[in-house]
Amino acid sequence: MARSRNRPPPDAFDLAVRLLGLRQHSELELRQKLRRKGCDAAAVDGAVARAFRLGYLDDAAFARALVTQRSRTRGPAVVAAELAAKGINRGLAREALATVAHASQVEVARQLAARSSHADRQVVAARLLRRGFGTDVIREALDLEGPDPGS
């Protein structure tokens, strides 16, 4: 059923609470979704400010949760890019990424390498590099010596 053009826009705060009840959002994501749903800019500003005041919206907590989840399968470079795309500033992203230990990154890279069907370690290293892992992590995970695994 098509939405009536005469229908008033949804209440921005109610919609924000519903969206935040489904999952955490960054401020940028929430603003974009509210605008797409037809809320005007002033209503979006008010809803976002109220959500921050009530503790429903927290970019730092969002960043930490996203880093925790994504670090199970991705390296910090890819996770940092995703955080930036979601509007998280570099400072918050850096703090959240700092919670992932080097040893944890190496272990995730080893697990991903073990699942790879490719026997050539340089190909596996290139895949890990595209997944966002640093060369030091890749070398340690694959027990490589010598030049950059991506070269």
N, C-alpha and C. Protein backbone atom coordinates (compact mmCIF):
# COMPACT_ATOMS: atom_id res chain seq x y z
N MET A 1 0.85 -1.17 0.00
CA MET A 1 0.00 0.00 0.00
C MET A 1 0.89 1.23 0.00
N ALA A 2 0.64 2.16 -0.90
CA ALA A 2 1.45 3.37 -1.03
C ALA A 2 1.15 4.32 0.12
N ARG A 3 2.18 4.99 0.54
CA ARG A 3 2.04 5.96 1.63
C ARG A 3 1.39 7.22 1.09
N SER A 4 0.40 7.74 1.78
CA SER A 4 -0.31 8.94 1.35
C SER A 4 0.61 10.15 1.39
N ARG A 5 0.53 10.97 0.36
CA ARG A 5 1.36 12.17 0.31
C ARG A 5 0.85 13.23 1.28
N ASN A 6 -0.37 13.10 1.73
CA ASN A 6 -0.96 14.07 2.67
C ASN A 6 -0.69 13.71 4.12
N ARG A 7 -0.12 12.56 4.34
CA ARG A 7 0.15 12.11 5.70
C ARG A 7 1.29 12.93 6.29
N PRO A 8 1.16 13.35 7.55
CA PRO A 8 2.24 14.13 8.16
C PRO A 8 3.48 13.27 8.36
N PRO A 9 4.65 13.92 8.42
CA PRO A 9 5.87 13.13 8.64
C PRO A 9 5.82 12.45 10.01
N PRO A 10 6.51 11.34 10.15
CA PRO A 10 6.50 10.64 11.44
C PRO A 10 7.18 11.49 12.52
N ASP A 11 6.83 11.22 13.76
CA ASP A 11 7.49 11.90 14.87
C ASP A 11 8.95 11.43 14.90
N ALA A 12 9.86 12.37 14.78
CA ALA A 12 11.28 12.03 14.66
C ALA A 12 11.80 11.29 15.89
N PHE A 13 11.43 11.72 17.07
CA PHE A 13 11.94 11.06 18.27
C PHE A 13 11.39 9.65 18.41
N ASP A 14 10.09 9.48 18.17
CA ASP A 14 9.51 8.13 18.25
C ASP A 14 10.19 7.19 17.26
N LEU A 15 10.40 7.68 16.06
CA LEU A 15 11.06 6.87 15.04
C LEU A 15 12.51 6.57 15.45
N ALA A 16 13.20 7.56 16.02
CA ALA A 16 14.58 7.35 16.48
C ALA A 16 14.63 6.27 17.55
N VAL A 17 13.71 6.31 18.48
CA VAL A 17 13.68 5.32 19.56
C VAL A 17 13.41 3.92 18.99
N ARG A 18 12.50 3.84 18.02
CA ARG A 18 12.23 2.54 17.39
C ARG A 18 13.48 2.01 16.68
N LEU A 19 14.16 2.88 15.94
CA LEU A 19 15.37 2.45 15.23
C LEU A 19 16.47 2.04 16.21
N LEU A 20 16.63 2.81 17.27
CA LEU A 20 17.67 2.50 18.27
C LEU A 20 17.30 1.26 19.08
N GLY A 21 16.03 0.93 19.14
CA GLY A 21 15.60 -0.28 19.82
C GLY A 21 15.96 -1.54 19.04
N LEU A 22 16.12 -1.39 17.73
CA LEU A 22 16.49 -2.53 16.89
C LEU A 22 17.98 -2.82 16.98
N ARG A 23 18.79 -1.75 16.95
CA ARG A 23 20.25 -1.88 17.06
C ARG A 23 20.82 -0.50 17.31
N GLN A 24 22.09 -0.48 17.76
CA GLN A 24 22.76 0.80 17.95
C GLN A 24 23.00 1.44 16.59
N HIS A 25 23.00 2.76 16.57
CA HIS A 25 23.30 3.53 15.37
C HIS A 25 24.29 4.62 15.74
N SER A 26 25.05 5.06 14.75
CA SER A 26 25.85 6.26 14.95
C SER A 26 24.92 7.45 14.73
N GLU A 27 25.37 8.61 15.16
CA GLU A 27 24.57 9.81 14.96
C GLU A 27 24.29 10.03 13.48
N LEU A 28 25.31 9.87 12.64
CA LEU A 28 25.13 10.08 11.20
C LEU A 28 24.11 9.11 10.62
N GLU A 29 24.21 7.84 10.97
CA GLU A 29 23.26 6.84 10.47
C GLU A 29 21.83 7.21 10.87
N LEU A 30 21.66 7.59 12.13
CA LEU A 30 20.33 7.92 12.62
C LEU A 30 19.78 9.14 11.89
N ARG A 31 20.60 10.17 11.74
CA ARG A 31 20.16 11.37 11.01
C ARG A 31 19.74 11.02 9.58
N GLN A 32 20.53 10.20 8.90
CA GLN A 32 20.22 9.83 7.52
C GLN A 32 18.90 9.06 7.45
N LYS A 33 18.70 8.12 8.36
CA LYS A 33 17.47 7.33 8.34
C LYS A 33 16.25 8.19 8.64
N LEU A 34 16.37 9.09 9.60
CA LEU A 34 15.24 9.96 9.93
C LEU A 34 14.89 10.87 8.75
N ARG A 35 15.90 11.39 8.07
CA ARG A 35 15.65 12.25 6.90
C ARG A 35 14.99 11.45 5.77
N ARG A 36 15.45 10.21 5.56
CA ARG A 36 14.86 9.37 4.51
C ARG A 36 13.40 9.04 4.80
N LYS A 37 13.06 8.99 6.09
CA LYS A 37 11.68 8.68 6.47
C LYS A 37 10.77 9.91 6.41
N GLY A 38 11.36 11.06 6.04
CA GLY A 38 10.53 12.25 5.84
C GLY A 38 10.52 13.25 6.98
N CYS A 39 11.35 13.08 7.97
CA CYS A 39 11.41 14.03 9.08
C CYS A 39 12.18 15.28 8.63
N ASP A 40 11.71 16.46 9.04
CA ASP A 40 12.42 17.68 8.64
C ASP A 40 13.67 17.87 9.50
N ALA A 41 14.56 18.72 9.04
CA ALA A 41 15.88 18.90 9.66
C ALA A 41 15.78 19.32 11.12
N ALA A 42 14.86 20.23 11.44
CA ALA A 42 14.73 20.69 12.82
C ALA A 42 14.26 19.56 13.73
N ALA A 43 13.33 18.76 13.25
CA ALA A 43 12.83 17.63 14.04
C ALA A 43 13.94 16.59 14.25
N VAL A 44 14.75 16.37 13.22
CA VAL A 44 15.86 15.43 13.33
C VAL A 44 16.86 15.93 14.36
N ASP A 45 17.20 17.23 14.31
CA ASP A 45 18.13 17.81 15.28
C ASP A 45 17.61 17.64 16.70
N GLY A 46 16.34 17.92 16.90
CA GLY A 46 15.74 17.79 18.23
C GLY A 46 15.73 16.35 18.71
N ALA A 47 15.37 15.42 17.82
CA ALA A 47 15.31 14.02 18.19
C ALA A 47 16.70 13.48 18.54
N VAL A 48 17.71 13.86 17.76
CA VAL A 48 19.07 13.40 18.01
C VAL A 48 19.58 13.97 19.33
N ALA A 49 19.34 15.25 19.57
CA ALA A 49 19.77 15.87 20.82
C ALA A 49 19.11 15.20 22.02
N ARG A 50 17.84 14.91 21.90
CA ARG A 50 17.11 14.25 23.00
C ARG A 50 17.63 12.83 23.21
N ALA A 51 17.89 12.12 22.13
CA ALA A 51 18.41 10.75 22.25
C ALA A 51 19.78 10.75 22.92
N PHE A 52 20.62 11.74 22.61
CA PHE A 52 21.92 11.87 23.28
C PHE A 52 21.72 12.14 24.77
N ARG A 53 20.85 13.10 25.08
CA ARG A 53 20.60 13.47 26.48
C ARG A 53 20.12 12.29 27.31
N LEU A 54 19.28 11.45 26.72
CA LEU A 54 18.72 10.31 27.43
C LEU A 54 19.64 9.10 27.43
N GLY A 55 20.76 9.20 26.71
CA GLY A 55 21.70 8.10 26.67
C GLY A 55 21.36 7.01 25.67
N TYR A 56 20.38 7.26 24.81
CA TYR A 56 19.99 6.27 23.80
C TYR A 56 20.97 6.24 22.63
N LEU A 57 21.65 7.35 22.41
CA LEU A 57 22.56 7.49 21.29
C LEU A 57 23.94 7.81 21.85
N ASP A 58 24.92 7.00 21.49
CA ASP A 58 26.28 7.17 22.02
C ASP A 58 27.26 6.67 20.97
N ASP A 59 27.91 7.60 20.28
CA ASP A 59 28.83 7.22 19.21
C ASP A 59 30.01 6.40 19.73
N ALA A 60 30.49 6.68 20.93
CA ALA A 60 31.62 5.93 21.49
C ALA A 60 31.22 4.48 21.75
N ALA A 61 30.05 4.27 22.33
CA ALA A 61 29.57 2.91 22.58
C ALA A 61 29.31 2.18 21.26
N PHE A 62 28.76 2.91 20.29
CA PHE A 62 28.52 2.32 18.97
C PHE A 62 29.84 1.86 18.35
N ALA A 63 30.86 2.71 18.43
CA ALA A 63 32.18 2.39 17.86
C ALA A 63 32.77 1.16 18.55
N ARG A 64 32.71 1.13 19.87
CA ARG A 64 33.25 -0.03 20.60
C ARG A 64 32.54 -1.32 20.20
N ALA A 65 31.22 -1.27 20.10
CA ALA A 65 30.44 -2.46 19.74
C ALA A 65 30.76 -2.91 18.32
N LEU A 66 30.86 -1.97 17.40
CA LEU A 66 31.17 -2.32 16.03
C LEU A 66 32.57 -2.92 15.91
N VAL A 67 33.52 -2.35 16.63
CA VAL A 67 34.89 -2.88 16.61
C VAL A 67 34.91 -4.29 17.18
N THR A 68 34.22 -4.52 18.26
CA THR A 68 34.17 -5.85 18.87
C THR A 68 33.61 -6.87 17.89
N GLN A 69 32.52 -6.50 17.23
CA GLN A 69 31.88 -7.43 16.30
C GLN A 69 32.72 -7.64 15.04
N ARG A 70 33.15 -6.58 14.41
CA ARG A 70 33.86 -6.69 13.12
C ARG A 70 35.27 -7.26 13.26
N SER A 71 35.89 -7.08 14.41
CA SER A 71 37.27 -7.55 14.60
C SER A 71 37.37 -9.07 14.63
N ARG A 72 36.25 -9.74 14.63
CA ARG A 72 36.25 -11.20 14.58
C ARG A 72 36.60 -11.72 13.18
N THR A 73 36.43 -10.86 12.17
CA THR A 73 36.68 -11.30 10.79
C THR A 73 37.45 -10.29 9.95
N ARG A 74 37.77 -9.12 10.51
CA ARG A 74 38.42 -8.07 9.74
C ARG A 74 39.55 -7.44 10.54
N GLY A 75 40.47 -6.86 9.80
CA GLY A 75 41.56 -6.15 10.44
C GLY A 75 41.19 -4.71 10.73
N PRO A 76 42.04 -4.02 11.49
CA PRO A 76 41.72 -2.66 11.92
C PRO A 76 41.57 -1.65 10.80
N ALA A 77 42.26 -1.81 9.68
CA ALA A 77 42.14 -0.84 8.59
C ALA A 77 40.74 -0.85 7.98
N VAL A 78 40.19 -2.04 7.78
CA VAL A 78 38.84 -2.15 7.22
C VAL A 78 37.80 -1.68 8.24
N VAL A 79 38.00 -2.02 9.49
CA VAL A 79 37.06 -1.60 10.54
C VAL A 79 37.09 -0.08 10.68
N ALA A 80 38.28 0.52 10.62
CA ALA A 80 38.39 1.98 10.70
C ALA A 80 37.67 2.65 9.54
N ALA A 81 37.78 2.08 8.35
CA ALA A 81 37.08 2.64 7.19
C ALA A 81 35.57 2.56 7.37
N GLU A 82 35.10 1.46 7.94
CA GLU A 82 33.66 1.31 8.18
C GLU A 82 33.18 2.33 9.23
N LEU A 83 33.97 2.52 10.27
CA LEU A 83 33.62 3.52 11.28
C LEU A 83 33.55 4.91 10.65
N ALA A 84 34.50 5.24 9.81
CA ALA A 84 34.50 6.55 9.15
C ALA A 84 33.27 6.70 8.26
N ALA A 85 32.91 5.65 7.55
CA ALA A 85 31.74 5.69 6.68
C ALA A 85 30.45 5.89 7.48
N LYS A 86 30.47 5.46 8.73
CA LYS A 86 29.29 5.61 9.59
C LYS A 86 29.33 6.91 10.40
N GLY A 87 30.31 7.76 10.09
CA GLY A 87 30.36 9.08 10.71
C GLY A 87 31.06 9.15 12.05
N ILE A 88 31.81 8.14 12.42
CA ILE A 88 32.53 8.15 13.69
C ILE A 88 33.84 8.91 13.49
N ASN A 89 34.10 9.89 14.36
CA ASN A 89 35.32 10.68 14.18
C ASN A 89 36.56 9.85 14.49
N ARG A 90 37.68 10.31 13.98
CA ARG A 90 38.93 9.54 14.08
C ARG A 90 39.35 9.26 15.52
N GLY A 91 39.13 10.22 16.40
CA GLY A 91 39.51 10.03 17.81
C GLY A 91 38.75 8.88 18.45
N LEU A 92 37.43 8.86 18.25
CA LEU A 92 36.61 7.77 18.81
C LEU A 92 36.98 6.45 18.16
N ALA A 93 37.22 6.47 16.85
CA ALA A 93 37.59 5.25 16.15
C ALA A 93 38.92 4.71 16.68
N ARG A 94 39.87 5.61 16.87
CA ARG A 94 41.19 5.20 17.37
C ARG A 94 41.07 4.57 18.76
N GLU A 95 40.26 5.20 19.63
CA GLU A 95 40.05 4.66 20.98
C GLU A 95 39.42 3.27 20.93
N ALA A 96 38.40 3.12 20.09
CA ALA A 96 37.71 1.83 20.00
C ALA A 96 38.64 0.76 19.43
N LEU A 97 39.41 1.11 18.40
CA LEU A 97 40.32 0.14 17.79
C LEU A 97 41.47 -0.24 18.73
N ALA A 98 41.81 0.65 19.64
CA ALA A 98 42.90 0.37 20.59
C ALA A 98 42.53 -0.76 21.55
N THR A 99 41.25 -1.09 21.64
CA THR A 99 40.82 -2.16 22.55
C THR A 99 41.11 -3.54 21.98
N VAL A 100 41.45 -3.62 20.69
CA VAL A 100 41.74 -4.91 20.07
C VAL A 100 43.24 -5.17 20.19
N ALA A 101 43.59 -6.18 20.93
CA ALA A 101 44.99 -6.51 21.17
C ALA A 101 45.65 -7.07 19.91
N HIS A 102 46.94 -6.83 19.81
CA HIS A 102 47.72 -7.35 18.69
C HIS A 102 47.61 -8.87 18.61
N ALA A 103 47.70 -9.54 19.74
CA ALA A 103 47.61 -11.01 19.76
C ALA A 103 46.26 -11.49 19.24
N SER A 104 45.21 -10.74 19.53
CA SER A 104 43.88 -11.08 19.04
C SER A 104 43.81 -10.94 17.52
N GLN A 105 44.41 -9.88 16.99
CA GLN A 105 44.44 -9.69 15.54
C GLN A 105 45.19 -10.84 14.86
N VAL A 106 46.32 -11.23 15.44
CA VAL A 106 47.11 -12.33 14.89
C VAL A 106 46.29 -13.61 14.89
N GLU A 107 45.59 -13.88 15.97
CA GLU A 107 44.78 -15.09 16.07
C GLU A 107 43.66 -15.10 15.02
N VAL A 108 42.99 -13.97 14.84
CA VAL A 108 41.93 -13.89 13.83
C VAL A 108 42.52 -14.10 12.44
N ALA A 109 43.66 -13.48 12.16
CA ALA A 109 44.31 -13.65 10.86
C ALA A 109 44.70 -15.11 10.64
N ARG A 110 45.20 -15.77 11.68
CA ARG A 110 45.55 -17.20 11.57
C ARG A 110 44.32 -18.05 11.25
N GLN A 111 43.23 -17.76 11.92
CA GLN A 111 41.99 -18.51 11.68
C GLN A 111 41.50 -18.31 10.25
N LEU A 112 41.54 -17.07 9.77
CA LEU A 112 41.11 -16.79 8.40
C LEU A 112 42.04 -17.47 7.40
N ALA A 113 43.34 -17.46 7.68
CA ALA A 113 44.31 -18.11 6.79
C ALA A 113 44.08 -19.62 6.76
N ALA A 114 43.76 -20.19 7.90
CA ALA A 114 43.53 -21.64 7.98
C ALA A 114 42.29 -22.05 7.17
N ARG A 115 41.32 -21.16 7.09
CA ARG A 115 40.10 -21.46 6.32
C ARG A 115 40.31 -21.30 4.82
N SER A 116 41.38 -20.65 4.44
CA SER A 116 41.65 -20.41 3.03
C SER A 116 42.02 -21.72 2.34
N SER A 117 41.51 -21.90 1.14
CA SER A 117 41.82 -23.11 0.38
C SER A 117 43.08 -22.96 -0.44
N HIS A 118 43.67 -21.77 -0.41
CA HIS A 118 44.85 -21.50 -1.22
C HIS A 118 46.13 -21.92 -0.50
N ALA A 119 47.01 -22.62 -1.21
CA ALA A 119 48.26 -23.09 -0.62
C ALA A 119 49.35 -22.02 -0.66
N ASP A 120 49.25 -21.11 -1.61
CA ASP A 120 50.28 -20.07 -1.77
C ASP A 120 50.13 -19.03 -0.65
N ARG A 121 51.13 -18.94 0.20
CA ARG A 121 51.07 -18.03 1.35
C ARG A 121 51.00 -16.57 0.93
N GLN A 122 51.59 -16.24 -0.21
CA GLN A 122 51.54 -14.86 -0.69
C GLN A 122 50.12 -14.47 -1.09
N VAL A 123 49.38 -15.39 -1.66
CA VAL A 123 47.97 -15.14 -2.02
C VAL A 123 47.15 -14.97 -0.74
N VAL A 124 47.39 -15.83 0.23
CA VAL A 124 46.68 -15.73 1.51
C VAL A 124 47.02 -14.40 2.18
N ALA A 125 48.30 -14.02 2.14
CA ALA A 125 48.73 -12.75 2.73
C ALA A 125 48.03 -11.58 2.05
N ALA A 126 47.90 -11.63 0.75
CA ALA A 126 47.22 -10.56 0.02
C ALA A 126 45.75 -10.47 0.42
N ARG A 127 45.13 -11.62 0.63
CA ARG A 127 43.72 -11.64 1.07
C ARG A 127 43.60 -11.01 2.46
N LEU A 128 44.52 -11.34 3.34
CA LEU A 128 44.49 -10.77 4.70
C LEU A 128 44.72 -9.27 4.65
N LEU A 129 45.59 -8.84 3.77
CA LEU A 129 45.85 -7.41 3.61
C LEU A 129 44.57 -6.68 3.17
N ARG A 130 43.84 -7.28 2.23
CA ARG A 130 42.57 -6.69 1.78
C ARG A 130 41.53 -6.70 2.89
N ARG A 131 41.65 -7.63 3.82
CA ARG A 131 40.73 -7.69 4.97
C ARG A 131 41.07 -6.65 6.02
N GLY A 132 42.18 -5.93 5.83
CA GLY A 132 42.50 -4.83 6.73
C GLY A 132 43.56 -5.13 7.77
N PHE A 133 44.21 -6.27 7.67
CA PHE A 133 45.26 -6.60 8.63
C PHE A 133 46.57 -5.95 8.22
N GLY A 134 47.35 -5.51 9.20
CA GLY A 134 48.64 -4.90 8.96
C GLY A 134 49.67 -5.95 8.58
N THR A 135 50.73 -5.50 7.92
CA THR A 135 51.76 -6.43 7.47
C THR A 135 52.44 -7.15 8.64
N ASP A 136 52.60 -6.47 9.76
CA ASP A 136 53.22 -7.12 10.92
C ASP A 136 52.34 -8.27 11.44
N VAL A 137 51.04 -8.06 11.44
CA VAL A 137 50.10 -9.10 11.88
C VAL A 137 50.12 -10.27 10.90
N ILE A 138 50.14 -9.95 9.61
CA ILE A 138 50.14 -11.00 8.59
C ILE A 138 51.41 -11.83 8.67
N ARG A 139 52.54 -11.16 8.80
CA ARG A 139 53.81 -11.90 8.92
C ARG A 139 53.79 -12.86 10.10
N GLU A 140 53.31 -12.35 11.23
CA GLU A 140 53.27 -13.19 12.43
C GLU A 140 52.26 -14.33 12.27
N ALA A 141 51.10 -14.04 11.69
CA ALA A 141 50.06 -15.06 11.53
C ALA A 141 50.50 -16.17 10.58
N LEU A 142 51.24 -15.79 9.55
CA LEU A 142 51.67 -16.78 8.55
C LEU A 142 53.10 -17.23 8.74
N ASP A 143 53.75 -16.72 9.76
CA ASP A 143 55.16 -17.02 10.03
C ASP A 143 56.02 -16.71 8.81
N LEU A 144 55.77 -15.54 8.21
CA LEU A 144 56.52 -15.11 7.03
C LEU A 144 57.74 -14.33 7.45
N GLU A 145 58.78 -14.43 6.67
CA GLU A 145 60.01 -13.64 6.87
C GLU A 145 60.20 -12.79 5.64
N GLY A 146 60.90 -11.69 5.78
CA GLY A 146 61.31 -10.94 4.60
C GLY A 146 60.41 -9.76 4.27
N PRO A 147 60.30 -9.41 2.96
CA PRO A 147 59.61 -8.19 2.53
C PRO A 147 58.12 -8.25 2.79
N ASP A 148 57.47 -7.12 2.55
CA ASP A 148 56.03 -6.99 2.71
C ASP A 148 55.29 -8.13 2.05
N PRO A 149 54.27 -8.72 2.75
CA PRO A 149 53.51 -9.79 2.14
C PRO A 149 52.68 -9.32 0.95
N GLY A 150 52.39 -8.02 0.89
CA GLY A 150 51.59 -7.50 -0.20
C GLY A 150 52.39 -7.18 -1.44
N SER A 151 53.73 -7.31 -1.39
CA SER A 151 54.54 -6.94 -2.56
C SER A 151 54.90 -8.13 -3.41
